[in-house]
N, C-alpha and C. Protein backbone atom coordinates (compact mmCIF):
# COMPACT_ATOMS: atom_id res chain seq x y z
N MET A 1 -11.86 53.06 -28.29
CA MET A 1 -12.66 51.89 -27.96
C MET A 1 -11.88 51.00 -27.00
N GLN A 2 -12.55 50.56 -25.94
CA GLN A 2 -11.90 49.70 -24.98
C GLN A 2 -12.04 48.24 -25.39
N LEU A 3 -10.93 47.50 -25.31
CA LEU A 3 -10.92 46.09 -25.64
C LEU A 3 -10.54 45.29 -24.38
N PRO A 4 -11.15 44.16 -24.18
CA PRO A 4 -10.76 43.34 -23.02
C PRO A 4 -9.35 42.79 -23.21
N VAL A 5 -8.52 42.89 -22.17
CA VAL A 5 -7.16 42.35 -22.23
C VAL A 5 -7.19 40.84 -22.03
N PHE A 6 -7.99 40.41 -21.08
CA PHE A 6 -8.06 38.97 -20.80
C PHE A 6 -9.44 38.65 -20.27
N ARG A 7 -10.13 37.74 -20.94
CA ARG A 7 -11.44 37.31 -20.48
C ARG A 7 -11.47 35.81 -20.24
N ALA A 8 -10.70 35.06 -21.04
CA ALA A 8 -10.66 33.61 -20.90
C ALA A 8 -9.37 33.11 -21.53
N SER A 9 -9.08 31.84 -21.33
CA SER A 9 -7.85 31.24 -21.85
C SER A 9 -8.18 30.18 -22.89
N ALA A 10 -7.38 30.17 -23.95
CA ALA A 10 -7.51 29.12 -24.96
C ALA A 10 -6.68 27.90 -24.59
N GLY A 11 -5.93 28.00 -23.51
CA GLY A 11 -5.10 26.88 -23.07
C GLY A 11 -3.63 27.17 -23.20
N LEU A 12 -2.83 26.21 -22.78
CA LEU A 12 -1.38 26.35 -22.80
C LEU A 12 -0.86 26.13 -24.22
N ASN A 13 -0.06 27.06 -24.71
CA ASN A 13 0.48 26.97 -26.07
C ASN A 13 2.00 26.92 -25.98
N THR A 14 2.56 25.77 -26.23
CA THR A 14 4.02 25.62 -26.20
C THR A 14 4.59 25.40 -27.60
N ARG A 15 3.78 25.60 -28.63
CA ARG A 15 4.22 25.34 -30.00
C ARG A 15 4.94 26.53 -30.62
N VAL A 16 4.72 27.73 -30.08
CA VAL A 16 5.36 28.92 -30.65
C VAL A 16 6.06 29.68 -29.54
N PRO A 17 7.02 30.55 -29.89
CA PRO A 17 7.68 31.37 -28.87
C PRO A 17 6.68 32.29 -28.18
N ASP A 18 7.04 32.72 -26.96
CA ASP A 18 6.14 33.58 -26.19
C ASP A 18 5.77 34.84 -26.97
N SER A 19 6.72 35.39 -27.71
CA SER A 19 6.48 36.65 -28.41
C SER A 19 5.46 36.52 -29.54
N ARG A 20 5.14 35.30 -29.94
CA ARG A 20 4.20 35.09 -31.05
C ARG A 20 2.86 34.55 -30.57
N LEU A 21 2.65 34.52 -29.28
CA LEU A 21 1.38 34.02 -28.77
C LEU A 21 0.23 34.92 -29.18
N ARG A 22 -0.92 34.34 -29.39
CA ARG A 22 -2.11 35.07 -29.80
C ARG A 22 -2.63 35.92 -28.65
N LEU A 23 -2.93 37.21 -28.95
CA LEU A 23 -3.48 38.11 -27.95
C LEU A 23 -5.00 38.00 -27.95
N GLY A 24 -5.61 38.68 -27.00
CA GLY A 24 -7.04 38.54 -26.83
C GLY A 24 -7.88 39.14 -27.93
N GLY A 25 -7.44 40.24 -28.52
CA GLY A 25 -8.23 40.88 -29.56
C GLY A 25 -9.59 41.32 -29.04
N ASP A 26 -10.60 41.19 -29.88
CA ASP A 26 -11.95 41.61 -29.49
C ASP A 26 -12.57 40.69 -28.45
N THR A 27 -12.13 39.46 -28.39
CA THR A 27 -12.78 38.48 -27.50
C THR A 27 -12.14 38.41 -26.13
N GLY A 28 -10.88 38.79 -26.02
CA GLY A 28 -10.18 38.67 -24.75
C GLY A 28 -9.78 37.25 -24.39
N VAL A 29 -9.76 36.35 -25.41
CA VAL A 29 -9.35 34.96 -25.20
C VAL A 29 -7.89 34.83 -25.61
N CYS A 30 -7.01 34.48 -24.66
CA CYS A 30 -5.57 34.48 -24.88
C CYS A 30 -4.99 33.08 -24.70
N ASP A 31 -3.89 32.86 -25.42
CA ASP A 31 -3.08 31.67 -25.14
C ASP A 31 -2.23 31.91 -23.91
N LEU A 32 -1.86 30.83 -23.24
CA LEU A 32 -0.98 30.92 -22.07
C LEU A 32 0.41 30.43 -22.43
N ALA A 33 1.40 31.20 -21.99
CA ALA A 33 2.78 30.76 -22.16
C ALA A 33 3.20 29.83 -21.03
N GLU A 34 2.55 29.96 -19.89
CA GLU A 34 2.89 29.15 -18.72
C GLU A 34 1.66 29.05 -17.84
N ALA A 35 1.49 27.91 -17.18
CA ALA A 35 0.38 27.71 -16.26
C ALA A 35 0.88 26.93 -15.05
N VAL A 36 0.77 27.51 -13.88
CA VAL A 36 1.28 26.90 -12.66
C VAL A 36 0.16 26.82 -11.64
N ASN A 37 -0.18 25.58 -11.22
CA ASN A 37 -1.17 25.35 -10.17
C ASN A 37 -2.52 26.01 -10.47
N VAL A 38 -2.98 25.88 -11.73
CA VAL A 38 -4.29 26.39 -12.10
C VAL A 38 -5.08 25.29 -12.79
N VAL A 39 -6.40 25.43 -12.76
CA VAL A 39 -7.31 24.53 -13.46
C VAL A 39 -7.93 25.29 -14.62
N HIS A 40 -7.89 24.72 -15.81
CA HIS A 40 -8.46 25.33 -17.01
C HIS A 40 -9.68 24.50 -17.41
N ASP A 41 -10.89 25.10 -17.28
CA ASP A 41 -12.09 24.32 -17.59
C ASP A 41 -12.50 24.50 -19.05
N GLU A 42 -13.60 23.85 -19.43
CA GLU A 42 -14.01 23.85 -20.84
C GLU A 42 -14.51 25.21 -21.32
N THR A 43 -14.82 26.13 -20.41
CA THR A 43 -15.24 27.48 -20.81
C THR A 43 -14.09 28.44 -20.95
N GLY A 44 -12.88 27.99 -20.66
CA GLY A 44 -11.72 28.86 -20.71
C GLY A 44 -11.42 29.58 -19.40
N ARG A 45 -12.20 29.29 -18.38
CA ARG A 45 -11.97 29.95 -17.10
C ARG A 45 -10.79 29.33 -16.38
N LEU A 46 -10.01 30.16 -15.72
CA LEU A 46 -8.88 29.70 -14.92
C LEU A 46 -9.21 29.86 -13.45
N SER A 47 -8.89 28.85 -12.66
CA SER A 47 -9.07 28.93 -11.21
C SER A 47 -7.88 28.29 -10.53
N LYS A 48 -7.62 28.72 -9.33
CA LYS A 48 -6.46 28.23 -8.59
C LYS A 48 -6.74 26.82 -8.08
N ARG A 49 -5.73 25.97 -8.16
CA ARG A 49 -5.87 24.62 -7.62
C ARG A 49 -6.00 24.65 -6.11
N ARG A 50 -6.71 23.65 -5.60
CA ARG A 50 -6.92 23.59 -4.15
C ARG A 50 -5.63 23.28 -3.41
N GLY A 51 -4.74 22.52 -4.05
CA GLY A 51 -3.48 22.21 -3.39
C GLY A 51 -3.63 21.16 -2.30
N TYR A 52 -2.80 21.23 -1.28
CA TYR A 52 -2.76 20.22 -0.23
C TYR A 52 -2.94 20.87 1.14
N THR A 53 -3.47 20.10 2.06
CA THR A 53 -3.65 20.56 3.43
C THR A 53 -2.89 19.63 4.37
N LEU A 54 -2.10 20.20 5.25
CA LEU A 54 -1.33 19.40 6.20
C LEU A 54 -2.28 18.72 7.19
N VAL A 55 -2.23 17.41 7.23
CA VAL A 55 -3.05 16.64 8.17
C VAL A 55 -2.30 16.40 9.46
N SER A 56 -1.03 16.00 9.34
CA SER A 56 -0.24 15.72 10.53
C SER A 56 1.23 15.77 10.16
N SER A 57 2.04 16.30 11.05
CA SER A 57 3.48 16.33 10.83
C SER A 57 4.14 15.25 11.67
N GLY A 58 5.33 14.86 11.29
CA GLY A 58 6.06 13.83 12.02
C GLY A 58 6.70 12.85 11.06
N ASP A 59 7.32 11.84 11.60
CA ASP A 59 7.99 10.81 10.81
C ASP A 59 6.98 9.73 10.44
N HIS A 60 6.48 9.78 9.21
CA HIS A 60 5.46 8.84 8.74
C HIS A 60 6.05 7.81 7.78
N HIS A 61 5.56 6.60 7.84
CA HIS A 61 5.87 5.60 6.83
C HIS A 61 4.83 4.48 6.90
N SER A 62 4.86 3.58 5.92
CA SER A 62 4.02 2.39 5.88
C SER A 62 2.54 2.73 5.89
N LEU A 63 2.11 3.53 4.91
CA LEU A 63 0.71 3.89 4.77
C LEU A 63 -0.04 2.76 4.05
N PHE A 64 -1.20 2.38 4.59
CA PHE A 64 -2.01 1.29 4.03
C PHE A 64 -3.47 1.69 4.08
N GLN A 65 -4.14 1.68 2.93
CA GLN A 65 -5.54 2.07 2.86
C GLN A 65 -6.43 0.84 2.84
N CYS A 66 -7.47 0.87 3.67
CA CYS A 66 -8.40 -0.26 3.76
C CYS A 66 -9.80 0.29 3.92
N GLY A 67 -10.57 0.31 2.80
CA GLY A 67 -11.90 0.91 2.85
C GLY A 67 -11.79 2.40 3.10
N ASP A 68 -12.54 2.89 4.08
CA ASP A 68 -12.52 4.32 4.40
C ASP A 68 -11.57 4.65 5.54
N VAL A 69 -10.68 3.72 5.88
CA VAL A 69 -9.69 3.93 6.94
C VAL A 69 -8.31 3.64 6.38
N ALA A 70 -7.32 4.38 6.85
CA ALA A 70 -5.93 4.12 6.49
C ALA A 70 -5.16 3.83 7.77
N TYR A 71 -4.05 3.09 7.61
CA TYR A 71 -3.17 2.80 8.73
C TYR A 71 -1.77 3.31 8.38
N VAL A 72 -1.09 3.85 9.38
CA VAL A 72 0.22 4.44 9.13
C VAL A 72 1.03 4.39 10.42
N VAL A 73 2.34 4.29 10.27
CA VAL A 73 3.25 4.38 11.41
C VAL A 73 3.75 5.81 11.50
N LYS A 74 3.55 6.42 12.65
CA LYS A 74 3.98 7.80 12.88
C LYS A 74 4.80 7.85 14.16
N ASN A 75 6.02 8.33 14.03
CA ASN A 75 6.91 8.48 15.20
C ASN A 75 6.99 7.19 16.01
N GLY A 76 7.04 6.05 15.30
CA GLY A 76 7.24 4.77 15.97
C GLY A 76 5.99 4.13 16.54
N SER A 77 4.81 4.68 16.27
CA SER A 77 3.55 4.09 16.75
C SER A 77 2.60 3.90 15.58
N LEU A 78 1.73 2.90 15.69
CA LEU A 78 0.77 2.58 14.64
C LEU A 78 -0.55 3.29 14.90
N TYR A 79 -1.06 3.98 13.86
CA TYR A 79 -2.30 4.73 13.96
C TYR A 79 -3.27 4.34 12.85
N SER A 80 -4.55 4.56 13.11
CA SER A 80 -5.54 4.57 12.04
C SER A 80 -5.88 6.03 11.74
N VAL A 81 -6.25 6.30 10.48
CA VAL A 81 -6.61 7.65 10.06
C VAL A 81 -7.93 7.56 9.30
N ASN A 82 -8.95 8.30 9.75
CA ASN A 82 -10.24 8.25 9.07
C ASN A 82 -10.29 9.25 7.93
N SER A 83 -11.44 9.33 7.24
CA SER A 83 -11.57 10.18 6.07
C SER A 83 -11.49 11.66 6.40
N LEU A 84 -11.62 12.02 7.67
CA LEU A 84 -11.50 13.42 8.09
C LEU A 84 -10.07 13.76 8.51
N GLY A 85 -9.17 12.78 8.41
CA GLY A 85 -7.79 13.03 8.79
C GLY A 85 -7.54 12.95 10.28
N ILE A 86 -8.45 12.32 11.02
CA ILE A 86 -8.30 12.21 12.48
C ILE A 86 -7.54 10.94 12.81
N TYR A 87 -6.47 11.06 13.61
CA TYR A 87 -5.62 9.95 14.00
C TYR A 87 -6.15 9.29 15.28
N SER A 88 -6.09 7.95 15.30
CA SER A 88 -6.44 7.19 16.50
C SER A 88 -5.33 6.17 16.75
N GLY A 89 -4.83 6.12 17.96
CA GLY A 89 -3.74 5.22 18.29
C GLY A 89 -4.16 3.76 18.23
N ILE A 90 -3.33 2.92 17.61
CA ILE A 90 -3.57 1.49 17.54
C ILE A 90 -2.59 0.73 18.42
N ARG A 91 -1.30 1.02 18.24
CA ARG A 91 -0.28 0.32 19.02
C ARG A 91 0.96 1.20 19.12
N ALA A 92 1.50 1.33 20.31
CA ALA A 92 2.70 2.14 20.53
C ALA A 92 3.95 1.30 20.37
N ASP A 93 5.05 1.98 20.12
CA ASP A 93 6.38 1.37 20.11
C ASP A 93 6.47 0.19 19.14
N VAL A 94 6.07 0.41 17.90
CA VAL A 94 6.21 -0.64 16.89
C VAL A 94 7.55 -0.53 16.17
N GLY A 95 8.32 0.51 16.45
CA GLY A 95 9.64 0.65 15.85
C GLY A 95 9.60 1.42 14.54
N SER A 96 10.76 1.51 13.92
CA SER A 96 10.90 2.30 12.69
C SER A 96 10.97 1.44 11.43
N THR A 97 10.93 0.11 11.58
CA THR A 97 11.00 -0.78 10.42
C THR A 97 9.70 -0.72 9.63
N ARG A 98 9.80 -0.75 8.31
CA ARG A 98 8.62 -0.64 7.45
C ARG A 98 7.62 -1.76 7.73
N MET A 99 6.34 -1.39 7.79
CA MET A 99 5.28 -2.32 8.13
C MET A 99 4.65 -2.90 6.87
N SER A 100 4.23 -4.17 6.95
CA SER A 100 3.48 -4.81 5.87
C SER A 100 2.11 -5.20 6.41
N TYR A 101 1.08 -5.14 5.53
CA TYR A 101 -0.29 -5.38 5.96
C TYR A 101 -0.99 -6.36 5.01
N VAL A 102 -1.99 -7.04 5.54
CA VAL A 102 -2.91 -7.85 4.74
C VAL A 102 -4.31 -7.66 5.32
N SER A 103 -5.28 -7.36 4.46
CA SER A 103 -6.66 -7.20 4.89
C SER A 103 -7.42 -8.49 4.62
N LEU A 104 -8.03 -9.06 5.66
CA LEU A 104 -8.85 -10.27 5.55
C LEU A 104 -10.20 -10.01 6.20
N GLY A 105 -11.23 -9.82 5.38
CA GLY A 105 -12.54 -9.54 5.93
C GLY A 105 -12.54 -8.27 6.74
N GLN A 106 -12.91 -8.37 8.01
CA GLN A 106 -12.96 -7.21 8.90
C GLN A 106 -11.67 -7.04 9.69
N GLU A 107 -10.65 -7.82 9.38
CA GLU A 107 -9.39 -7.76 10.13
C GLU A 107 -8.25 -7.32 9.22
N VAL A 108 -7.25 -6.67 9.84
CA VAL A 108 -6.03 -6.29 9.13
C VAL A 108 -4.85 -6.87 9.90
N TYR A 109 -4.11 -7.76 9.25
CA TYR A 109 -2.91 -8.33 9.85
C TYR A 109 -1.71 -7.46 9.50
N TYR A 110 -0.77 -7.34 10.43
CA TYR A 110 0.40 -6.50 10.18
C TYR A 110 1.64 -7.14 10.78
N ALA A 111 2.80 -6.81 10.22
CA ALA A 111 4.08 -7.32 10.71
C ALA A 111 5.19 -6.45 10.14
N ASN A 112 6.31 -6.38 10.84
CA ASN A 112 7.45 -5.59 10.36
C ASN A 112 8.80 -6.23 10.69
N SER A 113 8.83 -7.54 10.84
CA SER A 113 10.01 -8.34 11.18
C SER A 113 10.41 -8.24 12.66
N VAL A 114 9.78 -7.31 13.39
CA VAL A 114 10.07 -7.18 14.83
C VAL A 114 8.84 -7.55 15.66
N ILE A 115 7.68 -7.10 15.21
CA ILE A 115 6.41 -7.38 15.90
C ILE A 115 5.37 -7.77 14.86
N ASN A 116 4.28 -8.37 15.31
CA ASN A 116 3.13 -8.61 14.44
C ASN A 116 1.86 -8.52 15.27
N GLY A 117 0.73 -8.51 14.61
CA GLY A 117 -0.55 -8.42 15.30
C GLY A 117 -1.68 -8.35 14.31
N VAL A 118 -2.89 -8.18 14.83
CA VAL A 118 -4.07 -8.07 14.00
C VAL A 118 -4.95 -6.95 14.55
N ILE A 119 -5.55 -6.17 13.66
CA ILE A 119 -6.41 -5.06 14.04
C ILE A 119 -7.86 -5.49 13.85
N ARG A 120 -8.64 -5.36 14.93
CA ARG A 120 -10.07 -5.64 14.87
C ARG A 120 -10.82 -4.47 15.49
N ALA A 121 -11.75 -3.91 14.74
CA ALA A 121 -12.59 -2.83 15.25
C ALA A 121 -11.75 -1.71 15.87
N GLY A 122 -10.65 -1.38 15.20
CA GLY A 122 -9.84 -0.25 15.64
C GLY A 122 -8.91 -0.52 16.80
N ARG A 123 -8.76 -1.79 17.21
CA ARG A 123 -7.86 -2.13 18.30
C ARG A 123 -6.90 -3.23 17.86
N SER A 124 -5.71 -3.23 18.45
CA SER A 124 -4.69 -4.22 18.11
C SER A 124 -4.75 -5.40 19.08
N TYR A 125 -4.64 -6.60 18.50
CA TYR A 125 -4.61 -7.83 19.29
C TYR A 125 -3.42 -8.67 18.84
N ALA A 126 -3.08 -9.67 19.65
CA ALA A 126 -2.02 -10.59 19.27
C ALA A 126 -2.45 -11.38 18.05
N TRP A 127 -1.48 -11.71 17.20
CA TRP A 127 -1.76 -12.54 16.03
C TRP A 127 -2.35 -13.85 16.53
N PRO A 128 -3.50 -14.29 16.02
CA PRO A 128 -4.16 -15.48 16.56
C PRO A 128 -3.32 -16.74 16.35
N VAL A 129 -3.45 -17.66 17.26
CA VAL A 129 -2.79 -18.96 17.16
C VAL A 129 -3.84 -19.99 16.78
N GLY A 130 -3.66 -20.63 15.63
CA GLY A 130 -4.66 -21.57 15.15
C GLY A 130 -4.60 -22.90 15.86
N THR A 131 -5.69 -23.64 15.74
CA THR A 131 -5.80 -24.99 16.30
C THR A 131 -6.06 -25.97 15.17
N TYR A 132 -5.26 -27.01 15.09
CA TYR A 132 -5.42 -27.98 14.01
C TYR A 132 -6.63 -28.86 14.25
N THR A 133 -7.45 -29.01 13.22
CA THR A 133 -8.55 -29.95 13.24
C THR A 133 -8.51 -30.74 11.94
N GLY A 134 -8.60 -32.04 12.02
CA GLY A 134 -8.53 -32.88 10.83
C GLY A 134 -8.06 -34.27 11.18
N PRO A 135 -7.66 -35.03 10.17
CA PRO A 135 -7.18 -36.41 10.42
C PRO A 135 -5.95 -36.41 11.30
N ASP A 136 -5.71 -37.52 11.98
CA ASP A 136 -4.52 -37.65 12.80
C ASP A 136 -3.27 -37.44 11.95
N THR A 137 -2.31 -36.74 12.52
CA THR A 137 -1.10 -36.43 11.77
C THR A 137 0.08 -36.35 12.72
N HIS A 138 1.27 -36.59 12.18
CA HIS A 138 2.50 -36.43 12.96
C HIS A 138 3.12 -35.06 12.74
N ARG A 139 2.50 -34.24 11.93
CA ARG A 139 3.02 -32.89 11.69
C ARG A 139 2.91 -32.04 12.95
N THR A 140 3.82 -31.09 13.09
CA THR A 140 3.82 -30.17 14.22
C THR A 140 3.49 -28.77 13.71
N PHE A 141 2.57 -28.10 14.38
CA PHE A 141 2.13 -26.78 13.94
C PHE A 141 2.55 -25.72 14.95
N SER A 142 2.83 -24.53 14.42
CA SER A 142 3.29 -23.41 15.25
C SER A 142 2.50 -22.16 14.89
N GLN A 143 2.65 -21.13 15.74
CA GLN A 143 2.06 -19.84 15.43
C GLN A 143 2.86 -19.17 14.31
N ALA A 144 2.33 -18.08 13.79
CA ALA A 144 2.95 -17.41 12.65
C ALA A 144 4.33 -16.88 13.01
N PRO A 145 5.33 -17.07 12.14
CA PRO A 145 6.62 -16.42 12.36
C PRO A 145 6.47 -14.91 12.18
N VAL A 146 7.31 -14.16 12.84
CA VAL A 146 7.28 -12.70 12.72
C VAL A 146 8.13 -12.31 11.53
N GLY A 147 7.47 -11.94 10.43
CA GLY A 147 8.19 -11.68 9.19
C GLY A 147 8.19 -10.22 8.80
N SER A 148 8.77 -9.95 7.63
CA SER A 148 8.91 -8.58 7.15
C SER A 148 7.91 -8.24 6.04
N HIS A 149 7.37 -9.28 5.34
CA HIS A 149 6.43 -9.05 4.26
C HIS A 149 5.27 -10.03 4.39
N LEU A 150 4.05 -9.54 4.10
CA LEU A 150 2.85 -10.37 4.19
C LEU A 150 2.12 -10.37 2.85
N ALA A 151 1.42 -11.45 2.58
CA ALA A 151 0.52 -11.54 1.44
C ALA A 151 -0.49 -12.64 1.75
N TYR A 152 -1.55 -12.67 0.97
CA TYR A 152 -2.58 -13.70 1.16
C TYR A 152 -2.92 -14.27 -0.20
N PHE A 153 -2.79 -15.60 -0.35
CA PHE A 153 -2.94 -16.21 -1.66
C PHE A 153 -3.53 -17.60 -1.52
N ALA A 154 -4.56 -17.89 -2.30
CA ALA A 154 -5.19 -19.21 -2.36
C ALA A 154 -5.56 -19.73 -0.97
N GLY A 155 -6.07 -18.84 -0.12
CA GLY A 155 -6.51 -19.24 1.21
C GLY A 155 -5.42 -19.38 2.24
N ARG A 156 -4.19 -19.01 1.89
CA ARG A 156 -3.08 -19.14 2.83
C ARG A 156 -2.44 -17.78 3.12
N MET A 157 -2.11 -17.55 4.37
CA MET A 157 -1.33 -16.39 4.73
C MET A 157 0.13 -16.67 4.39
N ILE A 158 0.77 -15.70 3.75
CA ILE A 158 2.18 -15.82 3.39
C ILE A 158 2.98 -14.85 4.26
N VAL A 159 4.02 -15.36 4.87
CA VAL A 159 4.91 -14.55 5.71
C VAL A 159 6.34 -14.74 5.22
N ALA A 160 6.98 -13.65 4.83
CA ALA A 160 8.38 -13.70 4.43
C ALA A 160 9.25 -13.29 5.61
N LYS A 161 10.19 -14.16 5.96
CA LYS A 161 11.14 -13.86 7.02
C LYS A 161 12.53 -14.21 6.53
N GLU A 162 13.38 -13.20 6.43
CA GLU A 162 14.73 -13.35 5.89
C GLU A 162 14.63 -13.97 4.49
N ASN A 163 15.15 -15.17 4.27
CA ASN A 163 15.12 -15.74 2.92
C ASN A 163 14.10 -16.86 2.76
N VAL A 164 13.12 -16.93 3.66
CA VAL A 164 12.14 -18.01 3.64
C VAL A 164 10.73 -17.43 3.50
N LEU A 165 9.95 -18.07 2.64
CA LEU A 165 8.56 -17.72 2.44
C LEU A 165 7.70 -18.80 3.09
N TRP A 166 7.03 -18.44 4.19
CA TRP A 166 6.22 -19.40 4.93
C TRP A 166 4.77 -19.33 4.48
N PHE A 167 4.10 -20.49 4.43
CA PHE A 167 2.70 -20.57 4.04
C PHE A 167 1.90 -21.18 5.19
N SER A 168 0.81 -20.52 5.54
CA SER A 168 -0.04 -21.07 6.60
C SER A 168 -0.84 -22.24 6.07
N GLU A 169 -1.51 -22.95 6.97
CA GLU A 169 -2.46 -23.96 6.57
C GLU A 169 -3.66 -23.27 5.90
N PRO A 170 -4.36 -23.97 5.01
CA PRO A 170 -5.48 -23.33 4.31
C PRO A 170 -6.51 -22.75 5.27
N TRP A 171 -6.87 -21.49 5.04
CA TRP A 171 -7.89 -20.77 5.79
C TRP A 171 -7.56 -20.67 7.28
N SER A 172 -6.28 -20.77 7.61
CA SER A 172 -5.86 -20.69 9.02
C SER A 172 -4.63 -19.79 9.12
N PRO A 173 -4.80 -18.47 9.15
CA PRO A 173 -3.65 -17.55 9.17
C PRO A 173 -2.80 -17.63 10.43
N GLY A 174 -3.25 -18.39 11.43
CA GLY A 174 -2.47 -18.55 12.65
C GLY A 174 -1.92 -19.94 12.85
N LEU A 175 -1.85 -20.74 11.76
CA LEU A 175 -1.41 -22.13 11.88
C LEU A 175 -0.37 -22.42 10.80
N PHE A 176 0.87 -22.69 11.23
CA PHE A 176 1.98 -22.87 10.29
C PHE A 176 2.72 -24.17 10.58
N ASP A 177 3.07 -24.89 9.53
CA ASP A 177 3.94 -26.05 9.63
C ASP A 177 5.34 -25.59 9.26
N LEU A 178 6.16 -25.27 10.26
CA LEU A 178 7.47 -24.70 10.01
C LEU A 178 8.47 -25.73 9.50
N ALA A 179 8.10 -27.01 9.52
CA ALA A 179 9.00 -28.05 9.04
C ALA A 179 8.90 -28.25 7.54
N SER A 180 7.73 -27.96 6.96
CA SER A 180 7.57 -28.26 5.53
C SER A 180 6.80 -27.19 4.75
N GLY A 181 6.16 -26.26 5.42
CA GLY A 181 5.31 -25.29 4.73
C GLY A 181 6.05 -24.04 4.33
N PHE A 182 7.07 -24.18 3.47
CA PHE A 182 7.85 -23.00 3.11
C PHE A 182 8.51 -23.19 1.75
N VAL A 183 8.95 -22.07 1.18
CA VAL A 183 9.81 -22.03 0.00
C VAL A 183 11.03 -21.19 0.37
N GLN A 184 12.21 -21.69 0.11
CA GLN A 184 13.45 -21.01 0.52
C GLN A 184 14.14 -20.39 -0.69
N PHE A 185 14.69 -19.19 -0.50
CA PHE A 185 15.41 -18.47 -1.54
C PHE A 185 16.87 -18.30 -1.15
N ASN A 186 17.67 -17.81 -2.10
CA ASN A 186 19.11 -17.71 -1.87
C ASN A 186 19.50 -16.53 -1.00
N SER A 187 18.65 -15.49 -0.93
CA SER A 187 18.98 -14.30 -0.16
C SER A 187 17.71 -13.71 0.43
N ASP A 188 17.86 -12.67 1.23
CA ASP A 188 16.71 -12.08 1.93
C ASP A 188 15.64 -11.62 0.94
N ILE A 189 14.40 -11.84 1.31
CA ILE A 189 13.26 -11.47 0.46
C ILE A 189 12.95 -9.99 0.64
N LEU A 190 12.78 -9.30 -0.50
CA LEU A 190 12.53 -7.86 -0.50
C LEU A 190 11.09 -7.50 -0.87
N MET A 191 10.39 -8.39 -1.57
CA MET A 191 9.05 -8.08 -2.04
C MET A 191 8.26 -9.35 -2.25
N VAL A 192 6.97 -9.32 -1.89
CA VAL A 192 6.05 -10.42 -2.14
C VAL A 192 4.75 -9.81 -2.65
N LYS A 193 4.27 -10.27 -3.81
CA LYS A 193 3.03 -9.76 -4.36
C LYS A 193 2.27 -10.90 -5.02
N HIS A 194 1.07 -11.19 -4.51
CA HIS A 194 0.29 -12.28 -5.08
C HIS A 194 -0.49 -11.79 -6.30
N MET A 195 -0.70 -12.69 -7.24
CA MET A 195 -1.53 -12.45 -8.42
C MET A 195 -2.62 -13.52 -8.45
N ARG A 196 -3.40 -13.55 -9.51
CA ARG A 196 -4.49 -14.53 -9.58
C ARG A 196 -3.97 -15.95 -9.71
N ASN A 197 -2.85 -16.13 -10.41
CA ASN A 197 -2.36 -17.49 -10.68
C ASN A 197 -0.95 -17.72 -10.16
N GLY A 198 -0.52 -16.97 -9.17
CA GLY A 198 0.81 -17.18 -8.63
C GLY A 198 1.26 -16.02 -7.76
N VAL A 199 2.54 -16.06 -7.40
CA VAL A 199 3.11 -15.08 -6.47
C VAL A 199 4.43 -14.58 -7.03
N PHE A 200 4.58 -13.26 -7.11
CA PHE A 200 5.87 -12.66 -7.42
C PHE A 200 6.68 -12.52 -6.14
N VAL A 201 7.96 -12.88 -6.21
CA VAL A 201 8.85 -12.74 -5.07
C VAL A 201 10.19 -12.19 -5.57
N SER A 202 10.68 -11.15 -4.90
CA SER A 202 12.01 -10.64 -5.20
C SER A 202 12.91 -10.87 -3.99
N ASP A 203 14.08 -11.45 -4.25
CA ASP A 203 15.11 -11.48 -3.21
C ASP A 203 16.20 -10.51 -3.62
N MET A 204 17.36 -10.58 -3.02
CA MET A 204 18.42 -9.62 -3.29
C MET A 204 19.15 -9.91 -4.60
N GLU A 205 18.79 -11.00 -5.27
CA GLU A 205 19.47 -11.37 -6.51
C GLU A 205 18.55 -11.34 -7.72
N SER A 206 17.29 -11.75 -7.57
CA SER A 206 16.41 -11.92 -8.73
C SER A 206 14.97 -11.67 -8.34
N THR A 207 14.12 -11.58 -9.37
CA THR A 207 12.68 -11.57 -9.19
C THR A 207 12.12 -12.86 -9.76
N TRP A 208 11.29 -13.54 -8.97
CA TRP A 208 10.76 -14.85 -9.34
C TRP A 208 9.25 -14.78 -9.44
N PHE A 209 8.68 -15.67 -10.28
CA PHE A 209 7.24 -15.86 -10.29
C PHE A 209 6.95 -17.31 -9.97
N LEU A 210 6.27 -17.54 -8.85
CA LEU A 210 5.90 -18.88 -8.43
C LEU A 210 4.51 -19.16 -8.99
N GLU A 211 4.44 -19.94 -10.04
CA GLU A 211 3.18 -20.15 -10.76
C GLU A 211 2.44 -21.35 -10.19
N GLY A 212 1.14 -21.17 -9.99
CA GLY A 212 0.31 -22.22 -9.44
C GLY A 212 -0.48 -21.70 -8.26
N THR A 213 -1.27 -22.56 -7.65
CA THR A 213 -2.07 -22.17 -6.50
C THR A 213 -1.74 -22.96 -5.24
N ASP A 214 -0.75 -23.85 -5.34
CA ASP A 214 -0.33 -24.66 -4.18
C ASP A 214 1.19 -24.56 -4.10
N PHE A 215 1.69 -24.12 -2.95
CA PHE A 215 3.14 -23.89 -2.82
C PHE A 215 3.95 -25.20 -3.00
N LYS A 216 3.30 -26.35 -2.80
CA LYS A 216 4.01 -27.61 -2.98
C LYS A 216 4.18 -27.98 -4.45
N GLU A 217 3.42 -27.30 -5.32
CA GLU A 217 3.46 -27.64 -6.73
C GLU A 217 3.81 -26.43 -7.60
N PHE A 218 4.41 -25.40 -7.02
CA PHE A 218 4.78 -24.22 -7.79
C PHE A 218 5.76 -24.57 -8.90
N SER A 219 5.64 -23.88 -10.03
CA SER A 219 6.68 -23.94 -11.05
C SER A 219 7.27 -22.56 -11.23
């Protein structure tokens, strides 16, 4: 009488030695001693995993996903990548320094401590320079500093440059008061991450949480 050697899998069995694994018997359903790159479905069928497909080779870093488009630096240039894996050039010669991004509506702001800019409709433009409107003031406003880390919190663009965290004017990512709109740390800033009620900041010595929604009143 012929018996099936293997018809389906009962799954991976690591509880007993290989020599004691259950054989198929009349049903042909066997335990597996090892499973590499396979998918085991609810019927016991085994199929090979799809694995990975090479989209592009080269020196890649600073990948950022925004909706159905991603942005990445490849071989020193900034590209967008669509869902089909097709690359489109955004800006050449951005350097090898890691890029930071912030998505605001239909725009993506980027900076890497050497250059900065904003992406609109698949093209790169200069970071906008804001214009102050409001009551008369003696304050002086400047364009955004070129920083290494970006975040957006409570209506303000945050730019980290060396050991200083700069905050833009409310709802004006291109308008900065460099004389008073900042928080200073003891060493270079390595990470900035906003939360609902504050901002995490790491410098070379510690990790801090700036609690509150106004940088002038952080605790």
